[in-house]
C-alpha atoms as a PDB file:
ATOM      1  CA  UNK A   1      58.043  75.906 -87.787  1.00  0.00           C
ATOM      2  CA  UNK A   2      54.710  77.362 -86.450  1.00  0.00           C
ATOM      3  CA  UNK A   3      56.261  76.834 -82.848  1.00  0.00           C
ATOM      4  CA  UNK A   4      59.238  79.228 -84.082  1.00  0.00           C
ATOM      5  CA  UNK A   5      57.034  81.544 -85.131  1.00  0.00           C
ATOM      6  CA  UNK A   6      54.940  81.651 -81.815  1.00  0.00           C
ATOM      7  CA  UNK A   7      57.809  81.761 -79.886  1.00  0.00           C
ATOM      8  CA  UNK A   8      58.857  84.749 -81.819  1.00  0.00           C
ATOM      9  CA  UNK A   9      55.104  86.361 -81.389  1.00  0.00           C
ATOM     10  CA  UNK A  10      55.691  86.130 -77.638  1.00  0.00           C
ATOM     11  CA  UNK A  11      59.442  87.075 -77.583  1.00  0.00           C
ATOM     12  CA  UNK A  12      58.207  90.478 -79.255  1.00  0.00           C
ATOM     13  CA  UNK A  13      55.708  90.892 -76.907  1.00  0.00           C
ATOM     14  CA  UNK A  14      57.669  89.965 -73.928  1.00  0.00           C
ATOM     15  CA  UNK A  15      60.176  93.875 -73.811  1.00  0.00           C
ATOM     16  CA  UNK A  16      60.827  93.290 -69.875  1.00  0.00           C
ATOM     17  CA  UNK A  17      61.555  89.661 -70.239  1.00  0.00           C
ATOM     18  CA  UNK A  18      64.454  88.955 -67.477  1.00  0.00           C
ATOM     19  CA  UNK A  19      64.440  85.028 -67.722  1.00  0.00           C
ATOM     20  CA  UNK A  20      63.579  82.703 -70.145  1.00  0.00           C
ATOM     21  CA  UNK A  21      63.578  78.986 -69.840  1.00  0.00           C
ATOM     22  CA  UNK A  22      63.344  76.841 -72.878  1.00  0.00           C
ATOM     23  CA  UNK A  23      62.500  73.065 -73.190  1.00  0.00           C
ATOM     24  CA  UNK A  24      63.989  71.330 -76.332  1.00  0.00           C
ATOM     25  CA  UNK A  25      61.671  68.861 -77.628  1.00  0.00           C
ATOM     26  CA  UNK A  26      63.016  66.670 -80.753  1.00  0.00           C
ATOM     27  CA  UNK A  27      60.851  64.695 -82.893  1.00  0.00           C
ATOM     28  CA  UNK A  28      61.229  63.862 -86.118  1.00  0.00           C
ATOM     29  CA  UNK A  29      64.114  64.635 -88.516  1.00  0.00           C
ATOM     30  CA  UNK A  30      61.605  65.925 -91.031  1.00  0.00           C
ATOM     31  CA  UNK A  31      60.464  68.789 -88.620  1.00  0.00           C
ATOM     32  CA  UNK A  32      63.885  69.629 -87.453  1.00  0.00           C
ATOM     33  CA  UNK A  33      64.661  70.322 -91.561  1.00  0.00           C
ATOM     34  CA  UNK A  34      61.111  72.669 -91.657  1.00  0.00           C
ATOM     35  CA  UNK A  35      62.726  74.347 -88.521  1.00  0.00           C
ATOM     36  CA  UNK A  36      66.040  75.133 -89.977  1.00  0.00           C
ATOM     37  CA  UNK A  37      64.089  76.395 -93.109  1.00  0.00           C
ATOM     38  CA  UNK A  38      62.531  78.945 -90.830  1.00  0.00           C
ATOM     39  CA  UNK A  39      65.903  80.927 -90.721  1.00  0.00           C
ATOM     40  CA  UNK A  40      66.460  81.161 -94.206  1.00  0.00           C
ATOM     41  CA  UNK A  41      63.888  82.669 -96.339  1.00  0.00           C
ATOM     42  CA  UNK A  42      60.815  82.735 -94.565  1.00  0.00           C
ATOM     43  CA  UNK A  43      60.245  86.276 -95.307  1.00  0.00           C
ATOM     44  CA  UNK A  44      59.882  87.014 -91.843  1.00  0.00           C
ATOM     45  CA  UNK A  45      61.625  90.067 -89.621  1.00  0.00           C
ATOM     46  CA  UNK A  46      62.849  88.533 -86.801  1.00  0.00           C
ATOM     47  CA  UNK A  47      64.987  91.443 -85.182  1.00  0.00           C
ATOM     48  CA  UNK A  48      64.318  91.679 -81.861  1.00  0.00           C
ATOM     49  CA  UNK A  49      65.729  93.029 -78.841  1.00  0.00           C
ATOM     50  CA  UNK A  50      65.605  91.409 -75.121  1.00  0.00           C
ATOM     51  CA  UNK A  51      66.842  94.324 -73.573  1.00  0.00           C
ATOM     52  CA  UNK A  52      66.177  92.705 -70.007  1.00  0.00           C
ATOM     53  CA  UNK A  53      67.153  88.950 -70.583  1.00  0.00           C
ATOM     54  CA  UNK A  54      69.668  88.016 -68.181  1.00  0.00           C
ATOM     55  CA  UNK A  55      69.372  84.189 -67.663  1.00  0.00           C
ATOM     56  CA  UNK A  56      68.308  81.536 -70.004  1.00  0.00           C
ATOM     57  CA  UNK A  57      67.900  78.184 -69.514  1.00  0.00           C
ATOM     58  CA  UNK A  58      67.664  75.188 -72.023  1.00  0.00           C
ATOM     59  CA  UNK A  59      66.964  71.682 -71.126  1.00  0.00           C
ATOM     60  CA  UNK A  60      66.639  69.023 -73.889  1.00  0.00           C
ATOM     61  CA  UNK A  61      69.391  70.471 -76.303  1.00  0.00           C
ATOM     62  CA  UNK A  62      70.618  67.812 -79.021  1.00  0.00           C
ATOM     63  CA  UNK A  63      72.341  70.219 -81.304  1.00  0.00           C
ATOM     64  CA  UNK A  64      70.598  70.399 -84.421  1.00  0.00           C
ATOM     65  CA  UNK A  65      70.729  73.369 -86.178  1.00  0.00           C
ATOM     66  CA  UNK A  66      67.403  74.961 -85.605  1.00  0.00           C
ATOM     67  CA  UNK A  67      68.208  74.662 -81.880  1.00  0.00           C
ATOM     68  CA  UNK A  68      71.907  75.820 -82.483  1.00  0.00           C
ATOM     69  CA  UNK A  69      70.696  78.832 -84.519  1.00  0.00           C
ATOM     70  CA  UNK A  70      67.855  80.265 -81.840  1.00  0.00           C
ATOM     71  CA  UNK A  71      71.419  80.091 -79.257  1.00  0.00           C
ATOM     72  CA  UNK A  72      73.028  82.414 -81.711  1.00  0.00           C
ATOM     73  CA  UNK A  73      69.992  84.826 -82.239  1.00  0.00           C
ATOM     74  CA  UNK A  74      69.712  85.240 -78.469  1.00  0.00           C
ATOM     75  CA  UNK A  75      73.073  86.051 -77.607  1.00  0.00           C
ATOM     76  CA  UNK A  76      73.199  88.265 -80.973  1.00  0.00           C
ATOM     77  CA  UNK A  77      69.949  89.736 -79.477  1.00  0.00           C
ATOM     78  CA  UNK A  78      70.410  90.138 -75.428  1.00  0.00           C
ATOM     79  CA  UNK A  79      72.286  93.160 -74.301  1.00  0.00           C
ATOM     80  CA  UNK A  80      72.288  92.142 -70.345  1.00  0.00           C
ATOM     81  CA  UNK A  81      72.927  88.746 -70.860  1.00  0.00           C
ATOM     82  CA  UNK A  82      74.594  87.360 -67.777  1.00  0.00           C
ATOM     83  CA  UNK A  83      74.277  83.198 -68.115  1.00  0.00           C
ATOM     84  CA  UNK A  84      73.281  80.726 -70.764  1.00  0.00           C
ATOM     85  CA  UNK A  85      72.828  77.153 -69.444  1.00  0.00           C
ATOM     86  CA  UNK A  86      72.126  74.530 -71.598  1.00  0.00           C
ATOM     87  CA  UNK A  87      71.644  71.127 -70.465  1.00  0.00           C
ATOM     88  CA  UNK A  88      72.131  68.497 -73.193  1.00  0.00           C
ATOM     89  CA  UNK A  89      69.876  65.812 -73.606  1.00  0.00           C
ATOM     90  CA  UNK A  90      71.087  62.144 -72.721  1.00  0.00           C
ATOM     91  CA  UNK A  91      72.697  60.484 -75.533  1.00  0.00           C
ATOM     92  CA  UNK A  92      74.166  63.378 -77.308  1.00  0.00           C
ATOM     93  CA  UNK A  93      77.269  61.985 -79.052  1.00  0.00           C
ATOM     94  CA  UNK A  94      79.369  65.029 -80.250  1.00  0.00           C
ATOM     95  CA  UNK A  95      78.517  67.890 -77.420  1.00  0.00           C
ATOM     96  CA  UNK A  96      82.483  68.836 -77.196  1.00  0.00           C
ATOM     97  CA  UNK A  97      82.285  69.938 -80.813  1.00  0.00           C
ATOM     98  CA  UNK A  98      78.487  71.585 -80.383  1.00  0.00           C
ATOM     99  CA  UNK A  99      79.803  73.570 -77.847  1.00  0.00           C
ATOM    100  CA  UNK A 100      82.923  74.984 -79.927  1.00  0.00           C
ATOM    101  CA  UNK A 101      80.326  76.180 -82.375  1.00  0.00           C
ATOM    102  CA  UNK A 102      78.113  77.975 -79.881  1.00  0.00           C
ATOM    103  CA  UNK A 103      81.324  79.784 -78.130  1.00  0.00           C
ATOM    104  CA  UNK A 104      82.094  80.857 -81.468  1.00  0.00           C
ATOM    105  CA  UNK A 105      78.586  83.061 -82.002  1.00  0.00           C
ATOM    106  CA  UNK A 106      78.726  87.020 -81.597  1.00  0.00           C
ATOM    107  CA  UNK A 107      77.849  88.098 -77.978  1.00  0.00           C
ATOM    108  CA  UNK A 108      76.517  91.491 -77.956  1.00  0.00           C
ATOM    109  CA  UNK A 109      76.221  91.115 -74.036  1.00  0.00           C
ATOM    110  CA  UNK A 110      80.209  91.286 -72.586  1.00  0.00           C
ATOM    111  CA  UNK A 111      79.448  89.680 -69.559  1.00  0.00           C
ATOM    112  CA  UNK A 112      77.305  86.514 -71.139  1.00  0.00           C
ATOM    113  CA  UNK A 113      78.815  83.106 -70.105  1.00  0.00           C
ATOM    114  CA  UNK A 114      77.720  79.827 -71.571  1.00  0.00           C
ATOM    115  CA  UNK A 115      77.600  76.974 -69.364  1.00  0.00           C
ATOM    116  CA  UNK A 116      77.205  73.541 -69.973  1.00  0.00           C
ATOM    117  CA  UNK A 117      76.709  71.417 -66.795  1.00  0.00           C
ATOM    118  CA  UNK A 118      78.581  68.225 -66.786  1.00  0.00           C
END
């Protein structure tokens, strides 16, 4: 949860951020559950617009709820986003289902494409 708060502090302070590289590191399920709770009921205002963000690359993606919600947040708040590339961690079995969920997210940028390399 502290990592998520730190990330949002950086997001709010990086008003001209054009490229964002995220390396997802999954640890225990317990920490994933607390990160999921970050999005609900934390009492924080996470409004943030990525007004210049054009490219996002995520590596090590496993599809846990907190990762998926972060992707949804970026898509909903990056009006000039052109490309969101997601590289799944090896041995993630349900990549098709996760991809289907990701492409359903609302995108504020009409140009935004989600790319998952083979």
